[in-house]
Amino acid sequence: MNETLFSQIQKLFERTYAQVGINLEDCLIDPTRCAQLSLFAGKSARELSELARTFLRRAGDQLYVGIYYSRWLIEQLEQHDPRAGLGDRNI
């Protein structure tokens, strides 16, 4: 099975910084959930990019993470895979 770009990025971050203890791919959310979390975030969400958003919520000793990438951004990364080189179209 091929590793995804997202799993490779997670491994790079963990090698550079520290283990996160969760699979970040499990935190990916769809547009519907992104819209719900944006409503919960209130005014501050209006300042966030529509292309990608990260949501964090702490409840007690639990940390909840939601990561959203727009369809357009995913298509750009698929067409201009950063593993092949970085440029204006994939940064």
PDB file of N, CA and C in Angstrom:
ATOM      1  N   MET A   1       0.845  -1.192   0.000  1.00  0.00           N
ATOM      2  CA  MET A   1       0.000   0.000   0.000  1.00  0.00           C
ATOM      3  C   MET A   1       0.886   1.250   0.000  1.00  0.00           C
ATOM      4  N   ASN A   2       0.597   2.194  -0.881  1.00  0.00           N
ATOM      5  CA  ASN A   2       1.368   3.428  -0.962  1.00  0.00           C
ATOM      6  C   ASN A   2       0.995   4.359   0.176  1.00  0.00           C
ATOM      7  N   GLU A   3       2.008   5.041   0.679  1.00  0.00           N
ATOM      8  CA  GLU A   3       1.745   6.044   1.697  1.00  0.00           C
ATOM      9  C   GLU A   3       1.130   7.269   1.035  1.00  0.00           C
ATOM     10  N   THR A   4       0.252   7.917   1.750  1.00  0.00           N
ATOM     11  CA  THR A   4      -0.339   9.147   1.240  1.00  0.00           C
ATOM     12  C   THR A   4       0.599  10.312   1.509  1.00  0.00           C
ATOM     13  N   LEU A   5       0.395  11.389   0.786  1.00  0.00           N
ATOM     14  CA  LEU A   5       1.153  12.614   1.021  1.00  0.00           C
ATOM     15  C   LEU A   5       0.982  13.050   2.470  1.00  0.00           C
ATOM     16  N   PHE A   6      -0.251  12.976   2.961  1.00  0.00           N
ATOM     17  CA  PHE A   6      -0.535  13.431   4.323  1.00  0.00           C
ATOM     18  C   PHE A   6       0.228  12.597   5.356  1.00  0.00           C
ATOM     19  N   SER A   7       0.270  11.277   5.173  1.00  0.00           N
ATOM     20  CA  SER A   7       0.990  10.432   6.137  1.00  0.00           C
ATOM     21  C   SER A   7       2.492  10.692   6.071  1.00  0.00           C
ATOM     22  N   GLN A   8       3.011  10.988   4.890  1.00  0.00           N
ATOM     23  CA  GLN A   8       4.432  11.308   4.773  1.00  0.00           C
ATOM     24  C   GLN A   8       4.757  12.639   5.448  1.00  0.00           C
ATOM     25  N   ILE A   9       3.863  13.607   5.320  1.00  0.00           N
ATOM     26  CA  ILE A   9       4.059  14.896   5.995  1.00  0.00           C
ATOM     27  C   ILE A   9       4.055  14.693   7.506  1.00  0.00           C
ATOM     28  N   GLN A  10       3.126  13.871   8.006  1.00  0.00           N
ATOM     29  CA  GLN A  10       3.074  13.609   9.437  1.00  0.00           C
ATOM     30  C   GLN A  10       4.384  12.985   9.919  1.00  0.00           C
ATOM     31  N   LYS A  11       4.907  12.029   9.187  1.00  0.00           N
ATOM     32  CA  LYS A  11       6.170  11.389   9.583  1.00  0.00           C
ATOM     33  C   LYS A  11       7.316  12.398   9.603  1.00  0.00           C
ATOM     34  N   LEU A  12       7.345  13.293   8.625  1.00  0.00           N
ATOM     35  CA  LEU A  12       8.383  14.318   8.582  1.00  0.00           C
ATOM     36  C   LEU A  12       8.286  15.236   9.797  1.00  0.00           C
ATOM     37  N   PHE A  13       7.072  15.696  10.123  1.00  0.00           N
ATOM     38  CA  PHE A  13       6.884  16.546  11.305  1.00  0.00           C
ATOM     39  C   PHE A  13       7.311  15.819  12.574  1.00  0.00           C
ATOM     40  N   GLU A  14       6.944  14.546  12.683  1.00  0.00           N
ATOM     41  CA  GLU A  14       7.279  13.788  13.887  1.00  0.00           C
ATOM     42  C   GLU A  14       8.782  13.557  14.008  1.00  0.00           C
ATOM     43  N   ARG A  15       9.464  13.352  12.900  1.00  0.00           N
ATOM     44  CA  ARG A  15      10.924  13.215  12.948  1.00  0.00           C
ATOM     45  C   ARG A  15      11.570  14.537  13.350  1.00  0.00           C
ATOM     46  N   THR A  16      10.993  15.636  12.885  1.00  0.00           N
ATOM     47  CA  THR A  16      11.562  16.953  13.143  1.00  0.00           C
ATOM     48  C   THR A  16      11.239  17.452  14.551  1.00  0.00           C
ATOM     49  N   TYR A  17      10.007  17.246  15.002  1.00  0.00           N
ATOM     50  CA  TYR A  17       9.560  17.821  16.270  1.00  0.00           C
ATOM     51  C   TYR A  17       9.337  16.745  17.332  1.00  0.00           C
ATOM     52  N   ALA A  18       8.233  16.043  17.279  1.00  0.00           N
ATOM     53  CA  ALA A  18       7.917  15.008  18.274  1.00  0.00           C
ATOM     54  C   ALA A  18       6.761  14.162  17.770  1.00  0.00           C
ATOM     55  N   GLN A  19       6.624  12.974  18.330  1.00  0.00           N
ATOM     56  CA  GLN A  19       5.490  12.109  18.006  1.00  0.00           C
ATOM     57  C   GLN A  19       4.207  12.791  18.475  1.00  0.00           C
ATOM     58  N   VAL A  20       3.151  12.689  17.679  1.00  0.00           N
ATOM     59  CA  VAL A  20       1.885  13.314  18.069  1.00  0.00           C
ATOM     60  C   VAL A  20       0.950  12.331  18.753  1.00  0.00           C
ATOM     61  N   GLY A  21       1.165  11.050  18.573  1.00  0.00           N
ATOM     62  CA  GLY A  21       0.356  10.060  19.269  1.00  0.00           C
ATOM     63  C   GLY A  21      -0.988   9.763  18.637  1.00  0.00           C
ATOM     64  N   ILE A  22      -1.293  10.431  17.523  1.00  0.00           N
ATOM     65  CA  ILE A  22      -2.535  10.155  16.797  1.00  0.00           C
ATOM     66  C   ILE A  22      -2.230  10.129  15.304  1.00  0.00           C
ATOM     67  N   ASN A  23      -3.116   9.511  14.561  1.00  0.00           N
ATOM     68  CA  ASN A  23      -3.007   9.516  13.105  1.00  0.00           C
ATOM     69  C   ASN A  23      -3.768  10.740  12.602  1.00  0.00           C
ATOM     70  N   LEU A  24      -3.054  11.715  12.088  1.00  0.00           N
ATOM     71  CA  LEU A  24      -3.710  12.953  11.658  1.00  0.00           C
ATOM     72  C   LEU A  24      -4.689  12.732  10.511  1.00  0.00           C
ATOM     73  N   GLU A  25      -4.500  11.681   9.719  1.00  0.00           N
ATOM     74  CA  GLU A  25      -5.469  11.391   8.652  1.00  0.00           C
ATOM     75  C   GLU A  25      -6.860  11.119   9.229  1.00  0.00           C
ATOM     76  N   ASP A  26      -6.910  10.600  10.458  1.00  0.00           N
ATOM     77  CA  ASP A  26      -8.197  10.360  11.112  1.00  0.00           C
ATOM     78  C   ASP A  26      -8.899  11.661  11.488  1.00  0.00           C
ATOM     79  N   CYS A  27      -8.173  12.768  11.443  1.00  0.00           N
ATOM     80  CA  CYS A  27      -8.724  14.070  11.819  1.00  0.00           C
ATOM     81  C   CYS A  27      -9.250  14.853  10.618  1.00  0.00           C
ATOM     82  N   LEU A  28      -9.088  14.317   9.414  1.00  0.00           N
ATOM     83  CA  LEU A  28      -9.578  15.009   8.218  1.00  0.00           C
ATOM     84  C   LEU A  28     -11.099  15.056   8.235  1.00  0.00           C
ATOM     85  N   ILE A  29     -11.647  16.219   7.917  1.00  0.00           N
ATOM     86  CA  ILE A  29     -13.099  16.406   7.936  1.00  0.00           C
ATOM     87  C   ILE A  29     -13.594  16.847   6.564  1.00  0.00           C
ATOM     88  N   ASP A  30     -14.883  16.647   6.326  1.00  0.00           N
ATOM     89  CA  ASP A  30     -15.488  17.012   5.041  1.00  0.00           C
ATOM     90  C   ASP A  30     -16.042  18.440   5.108  1.00  0.00           C
ATOM     91  N   PRO A  31     -16.506  18.976   3.975  1.00  0.00           N
ATOM     92  CA  PRO A  31     -17.012  20.349   3.948  1.00  0.00           C
ATOM     93  C   PRO A  31     -18.181  20.591   4.908  1.00  0.00           C
ATOM     94  N   THR A  32     -19.036  19.601   5.094  1.00  0.00           N
ATOM     95  CA  THR A  32     -20.174  19.770   6.003  1.00  0.00           C
ATOM     96  C   THR A  32     -19.694  19.971   7.431  1.00  0.00           C
ATOM     97  N   ARG A  33     -18.764  19.129   7.877  1.00  0.00           N
ATOM     98  CA  ARG A  33     -18.241  19.259   9.243  1.00  0.00           C
ATOM     99  C   ARG A  33     -17.452  20.549   9.384  1.00  0.00           C
ATOM    100  N   CYS A  34     -16.732  20.949   8.349  1.00  0.00           N
ATOM    101  CA  CYS A  34     -16.005  22.214   8.380  1.00  0.00           C
ATOM    102  C   CYS A  34     -16.966  23.378   8.590  1.00  0.00           C
ATOM    103  N   ALA A  35     -18.090  23.363   7.891  1.00  0.00           N
ATOM    104  CA  ALA A  35     -19.089  24.428   8.041  1.00  0.00           C
ATOM    105  C   ALA A  35     -19.647  24.446   9.459  1.00  0.00           C
ATOM    106  N   GLN A  36     -19.913  23.267  10.026  1.00  0.00           N
ATOM    107  CA  GLN A  36     -20.423  23.190  11.400  1.00  0.00           C
ATOM    108  C   GLN A  36     -19.413  23.767  12.387  1.00  0.00           C
ATOM    109  N   LEU A  37     -18.163  23.358  12.260  1.00  0.00           N
ATOM    110  CA  LEU A  37     -17.137  23.843  13.182  1.00  0.00           C
ATOM    111  C   LEU A  37     -16.870  25.331  12.988  1.00  0.00           C
ATOM    112  N   SER A  38     -17.002  25.819  11.761  1.00  0.00           N
ATOM    113  CA  SER A  38     -16.842  27.251  11.502  1.00  0.00           C
ATOM    114  C   SER A  38     -17.923  28.047  12.213  1.00  0.00           C
ATOM    115  N   LEU A  39     -19.149  27.524  12.232  1.00  0.00           N
ATOM    116  CA  LEU A  39     -20.231  28.183  12.970  1.00  0.00           C
ATOM    117  C   LEU A  39     -19.918  28.226  14.457  1.00  0.00           C
ATOM    118  N   PHE A  40     -19.437  27.115  15.004  1.00  0.00           N
ATOM    119  CA  PHE A  40     -19.077  27.068  16.427  1.00  0.00           C
ATOM    120  C   PHE A  40     -17.956  28.051  16.741  1.00  0.00           C
ATOM    121  N   ALA A  41     -17.033  28.239  15.806  1.00  0.00           N
ATOM    122  CA  ALA A  41     -15.894  29.129  16.023  1.00  0.00           C
ATOM    123  C   ALA A  41     -16.314  30.596  16.035  1.00  0.00           C
ATOM    124  N   GLY A  42     -17.460  30.894  15.433  1.00  0.00           N
ATOM    125  CA  GLY A  42     -17.974  32.259  15.454  1.00  0.00           C
ATOM    126  C   GLY A  42     -17.209  33.209  14.551  1.00  0.00           C
ATOM    127  N   LYS A  43     -17.092  34.465  15.015  1.00  0.00           N
ATOM    128  CA  LYS A  43     -16.481  35.519  14.206  1.00  0.00           C
ATOM    129  C   LYS A  43     -15.056  35.195  13.775  1.00  0.00           C
ATOM    130  N   SER A  44     -14.312  34.540  14.635  1.00  0.00           N
ATOM    131  CA  SER A  44     -12.905  34.268  14.307  1.00  0.00           C
ATOM    132  C   SER A  44     -12.767  33.402  13.056  1.00  0.00           C
ATOM    133  N   ALA A  45     -13.760  32.578  12.765  1.00  0.00           N
ATOM    134  CA  ALA A  45     -13.691  31.706  11.583  1.00  0.00           C
ATOM    135  C   ALA A  45     -13.770  32.508  10.290  1.00  0.00           C
ATOM    136  N   ARG A  46     -14.354  33.684  10.340  1.00  0.00           N
ATOM    137  CA  ARG A  46     -14.456  34.507   9.127  1.00  0.00           C
ATOM    138  C   ARG A  46     -13.090  34.950   8.627  1.00  0.00           C
ATOM    139  N   GLU A  47     -12.118  34.982   9.525  1.00  0.00           N
ATOM    140  CA  GLU A  47     -10.771  35.408   9.164  1.00  0.00           C
ATOM    141  C   GLU A  47      -9.929  34.261   8.616  1.00  0.00           C
ATOM    142  N   LEU A  48     -10.447  33.036   8.664  1.00  0.00           N
ATOM    143  CA  LEU A  48      -9.705  31.866   8.206  1.00  0.00           C
ATOM    144  C   LEU A  48      -9.878  31.668   6.706  1.00  0.00           C
ATOM    145  N   SER A  49      -8.891  31.046   6.095  1.00  0.00           N
ATOM    146  CA  SER A  49      -8.953  30.750   4.672  1.00  0.00           C
ATOM    147  C   SER A  49     -10.040  29.728   4.380  1.00  0.00           C
ATOM    148  N   GLU A  50     -10.696  29.879   3.247  1.00  0.00           N
ATOM    149  CA  GLU A  50     -11.688  28.898   2.803  1.00  0.00           C
ATOM    150  C   GLU A  50     -11.014  27.665   2.196  1.00  0.00           C
ATOM    151  N   LEU A  51      -9.725  27.767   1.892  1.00  0.00           N
ATOM    152  CA  LEU A  51      -9.010  26.672   1.236  1.00  0.00           C
ATOM    153  C   LEU A  51      -8.611  25.564   2.200  1.00  0.00           C
ATOM    154  N   ALA A  52      -8.260  25.938   3.420  1.00  0.00           N
ATOM    155  CA  ALA A  52      -7.823  24.952   4.413  1.00  0.00           C
ATOM    156  C   ALA A  52      -8.037  25.537   5.804  1.00  0.00           C
ATOM    157  N   ARG A  53      -8.461  24.688   6.718  1.00  0.00           N
ATOM    158  CA  ARG A  53      -8.689  25.120   8.097  1.00  0.00           C
ATOM    159  C   ARG A  53      -8.294  24.005   9.053  1.00  0.00           C
ATOM    160  N   THR A  54      -7.798  24.413  10.210  1.00  0.00           N
ATOM    161  CA  THR A  54      -7.510  23.476  11.292  1.00  0.00           C
ATOM    162  C   THR A  54      -8.298  23.927  12.509  1.00  0.00           C
ATOM    163  N   PHE A  55      -9.036  23.014  13.096  1.00  0.00           N
ATOM    164  CA  PHE A  55      -9.841  23.296  14.274  1.00  0.00           C
ATOM    165  C   PHE A  55      -9.276  22.518  15.454  1.00  0.00           C
ATOM    166  N   LEU A  56      -9.100  23.196  16.576  1.00  0.00           N
ATOM    167  CA  LEU A  56      -8.630  22.565  17.806  1.00  0.00           C
ATOM    168  C   LEU A  56      -9.615  22.889  18.924  1.00  0.00           C
ATOM    169  N   ARG A  57      -9.943  21.882  19.730  1.00  0.00           N
ATOM    170  CA  ARG A  57     -10.818  22.110  20.886  1.00  0.00           C
ATOM    171  C   ARG A  57     -10.329  21.226  22.016  1.00  0.00           C
ATOM    172  N   ARG A  58     -10.188  21.837  23.174  1.00  0.00           N
ATOM    173  CA  ARG A  58      -9.794  21.077  24.352  1.00  0.00           C
ATOM    174  C   ARG A  58     -10.999  20.929  25.261  1.00  0.00           C
ATOM    175  N   ALA A  59     -11.240  19.711  25.698  1.00  0.00           N
ATOM    176  CA  ALA A  59     -12.318  19.415  26.648  1.00  0.00           C
ATOM    177  C   ALA A  59     -11.715  18.530  27.731  1.00  0.00           C
ATOM    178  N   GLY A  60     -11.515  19.104  28.898  1.00  0.00           N
ATOM    179  CA  GLY A  60     -10.834  18.360  29.957  1.00  0.00           C
ATOM    180  C   GLY A  60      -9.404  18.090  29.538  1.00  0.00           C
ATOM    181  N   ASP A  61      -9.006  16.835  29.582  1.00  0.00           N
ATOM    182  CA  ASP A  61      -7.649  16.488  29.164  1.00  0.00           C
ATOM    183  C   ASP A  61      -7.600  15.943  27.742  1.00  0.00           C
ATOM    184  N   GLN A  62      -8.692  16.102  26.996  1.00  0.00           N
ATOM    185  CA  GLN A  62      -8.772  15.630  25.608  1.00  0.00           C
ATOM    186  C   GLN A  62      -8.557  16.790  24.631  1.00  0.00           C
ATOM    187  N   LEU A  63      -7.849  16.513  23.562  1.00  0.00           N
ATOM    188  CA  LEU A  63      -7.687  17.485  22.481  1.00  0.00           C
ATOM    189  C   LEU A  63      -8.368  16.922  21.245  1.00  0.00           C
ATOM    190  N   TYR A  64      -9.277  17.704  20.671  1.00  0.00           N
ATOM    191  CA  TYR A  64      -9.992  17.306  19.457  1.00  0.00           C
ATOM    192  C   TYR A  64      -9.452  18.135  18.300  1.00  0.00           C
ATOM    193  N   VAL A  65      -9.176  17.457  17.194  1.00  0.00           N
ATOM    194  CA  VAL A  65      -8.569  18.100  16.032  1.00  0.00           C
ATOM    195  C   VAL A  65      -9.423  17.825  14.801  1.00  0.00           C
ATOM    196  N   GLY A  66      -9.674  18.864  14.019  1.00  0.00           N
ATOM    197  CA  GLY A  66     -10.339  18.726  12.729  1.00  0.00           C
ATOM    198  C   GLY A  66      -9.503  19.438  11.678  1.00  0.00           C
ATOM    199  N   ILE A  67      -9.190  18.754  10.598  1.00  0.00           N
ATOM    200  CA  ILE A  67      -8.372  19.331   9.529  1.00  0.00           C
ATOM    201  C   ILE A  67      -9.178  19.270   8.238  1.00  0.00           C
ATOM    202  N   TYR A  68      -9.317  20.429   7.590  1.00  0.00           N
ATOM    203  CA  TYR A  68     -10.100  20.512   6.355  1.00  0.00           C
ATOM    204  C   TYR A  68      -9.233  21.047   5.226  1.00  0.00           C
ATOM    205  N   TYR A  69      -9.301  20.379   4.079  1.00  0.00           N
ATOM    206  CA  TYR A  69      -8.701  20.870   2.836  1.00  0.00           C
ATOM    207  C   TYR A  69      -9.797  20.927   1.787  1.00  0.00           C
ATOM    208  N   SER A  70      -9.901  22.061   1.096  1.00  0.00           N
ATOM    209  CA  SER A  70     -10.915  22.208   0.051  1.00  0.00           C
ATOM    210  C   SER A  70     -10.610  21.282  -1.124  1.00  0.00           C
ATOM    211  N   ARG A  71     -11.628  20.973  -1.896  1.00  0.00           N
ATOM    212  CA  ARG A  71     -11.460  20.136  -3.087  1.00  0.00           C
ATOM    213  C   ARG A  71     -10.435  20.771  -4.023  1.00  0.00           C
ATOM    214  N   TRP A  72     -10.485  22.099  -4.198  1.00  0.00           N
ATOM    215  CA  TRP A  72      -9.545  22.792  -5.075  1.00  0.00           C
ATOM    216  C   TRP A  72      -8.104  22.578  -4.602  1.00  0.00           C
ATOM    217  N   LEU A  73      -7.860  22.712  -3.306  1.00  0.00           N
ATOM    218  CA  LEU A  73      -6.508  22.545  -2.774  1.00  0.00           C
ATOM    219  C   LEU A  73      -6.014  21.113  -2.965  1.00  0.00           C
ATOM    220  N   ILE A  74      -6.871  20.144  -2.726  1.00  0.00           N
ATOM    221  CA  ILE A  74      -6.505  18.743  -2.932  1.00  0.00           C
ATOM    222  C   ILE A  74      -6.137  18.507  -4.395  1.00  0.00           C
ATOM    223  N   GLU A  75      -6.929  19.069  -5.309  1.00  0.00           N
ATOM    224  CA  GLU A  75      -6.635  18.913  -6.738  1.00  0.00           C
ATOM    225  C   GLU A  75      -5.288  19.538  -7.097  1.00  0.00           C
ATOM    226  N   GLN A  76      -4.981  20.700  -6.517  1.00  0.00           N
ATOM    227  CA  GLN A  76      -3.692  21.347  -6.783  1.00  0.00           C
ATOM    228  C   GLN A  76      -2.532  20.479  -6.308  1.00  0.00           C
ATOM    229  N   LEU A  77      -2.679  19.898  -5.121  1.00  0.00           N
ATOM    230  CA  LEU A  77      -1.615  19.047  -4.584  1.00  0.00           C
ATOM    231  C   LEU A  77      -1.479  17.751  -5.371  1.00  0.00           C
ATOM    232  N   GLU A  78      -2.601  17.250  -5.889  1.00  0.00           N
ATOM    233  CA  GLU A  78      -2.535  16.047  -6.721  1.00  0.00           C
ATOM    234  C   GLU A  78      -1.860  16.340  -8.060  1.00  0.00           C
ATOM    235  N   GLN A  79      -2.164  17.502  -8.642  1.00  0.00           N
ATOM    236  CA  GLN A  79      -1.585  17.863  -9.937  1.00  0.00           C
ATOM    237  C   GLN A  79      -0.130  18.310  -9.819  1.00  0.00           C
ATOM    238  N   HIS A  80       0.227  18.883  -8.674  1.00  0.00           N
ATOM    239  CA  HIS A  80       1.571  19.432  -8.458  1.00  0.00           C
ATOM    240  C   HIS A  80       2.108  18.871  -7.142  1.00  0.00           C
ATOM    241  N   ASP A  81       2.345  17.579  -7.129  1.00  0.00           N
ATOM    242  CA  ASP A  81       2.742  16.851  -5.923  1.00  0.00           C
ATOM    243  C   ASP A  81       4.019  17.443  -5.327  1.00  0.00           C
ATOM    244  N   PRO A  82       3.963  17.934  -4.084  1.00  0.00           N
ATOM    245  CA  PRO A  82       5.145  18.536  -3.469  1.00  0.00           C
ATOM    246  C   PRO A  82       6.302  17.558  -3.274  1.00  0.00           C
ATOM    247  N   ARG A  83       6.024  16.260  -3.316  1.00  0.00           N
ATOM    248  CA  ARG A  83       7.104  15.276  -3.197  1.00  0.00           C
ATOM    249  C   ARG A  83       8.004  15.301  -4.426  1.00  0.00           C
ATOM    250  N   ALA A  84       7.483  15.822  -5.544  1.00  0.00           N
ATOM    251  CA  ALA A  84       8.263  15.917  -6.779  1.00  0.00           C
ATOM    252  C   ALA A  84       9.019  17.240  -6.864  1.00  0.00           C
ATOM    253  N   GLY A  85       8.723  18.171  -5.982  1.00  0.00           N
ATOM    254  CA  GLY A  85       9.368  19.473  -5.967  1.00  0.00           C
ATOM    255  C   GLY A  85       8.389  20.545  -5.530  1.00  0.00           C
ATOM    256  N   LEU A  86       8.905  21.575  -4.904  1.00  0.00           N
ATOM    257  CA  LEU A  86       8.062  22.659  -4.409  1.00  0.00           C
ATOM    258  C   LEU A  86       8.078  23.830  -5.378  1.00  0.00           C
ATOM    259  N   GLY A  87       6.933  24.481  -5.493  1.00  0.00           N
ATOM    260  CA  GLY A  87       6.809  25.641  -6.359  1.00  0.00           C
ATOM    261  C   GLY A  87       5.599  26.459  -5.965  1.00  0.00           C
ATOM    262  N   ASP A  88       5.322  27.489  -6.742  1.00  0.00           N
ATOM    263  CA  ASP A  88       4.206  28.387  -6.440  1.00  0.00           C
ATOM    264  C   ASP A  88       2.857  27.682  -6.412  1.00  0.00           C
ATOM    265  N   ARG A  89       2.727  26.573  -7.110  1.00  0.00           N
ATOM    266  CA  ARG A  89       1.428  25.899  -7.214  1.00  0.00           C
ATOM    267  C   ARG A  89       1.146  24.918  -6.081  1.00  0.00           C
ATOM    268  N   ASN A  90       2.143  24.625  -5.244  1.00  0.00           N
ATOM    269  CA  ASN A  90       1.893  23.642  -4.193  1.00  0.00           C
ATOM    270  C   ASN A  90       2.409  24.059  -2.814  1.00  0.00           C
ATOM    271  N   ILE A  91       2.711  25.316  -2.649  1.00  0.00           N
ATOM    272  CA  ILE A  91       3.131  25.794  -1.321  1.00  0.00           C
ATOM    273  C   ILE A  91       1.984  26.579  -0.719  1.00  0.00           C
TER     274      ILE A  91
END
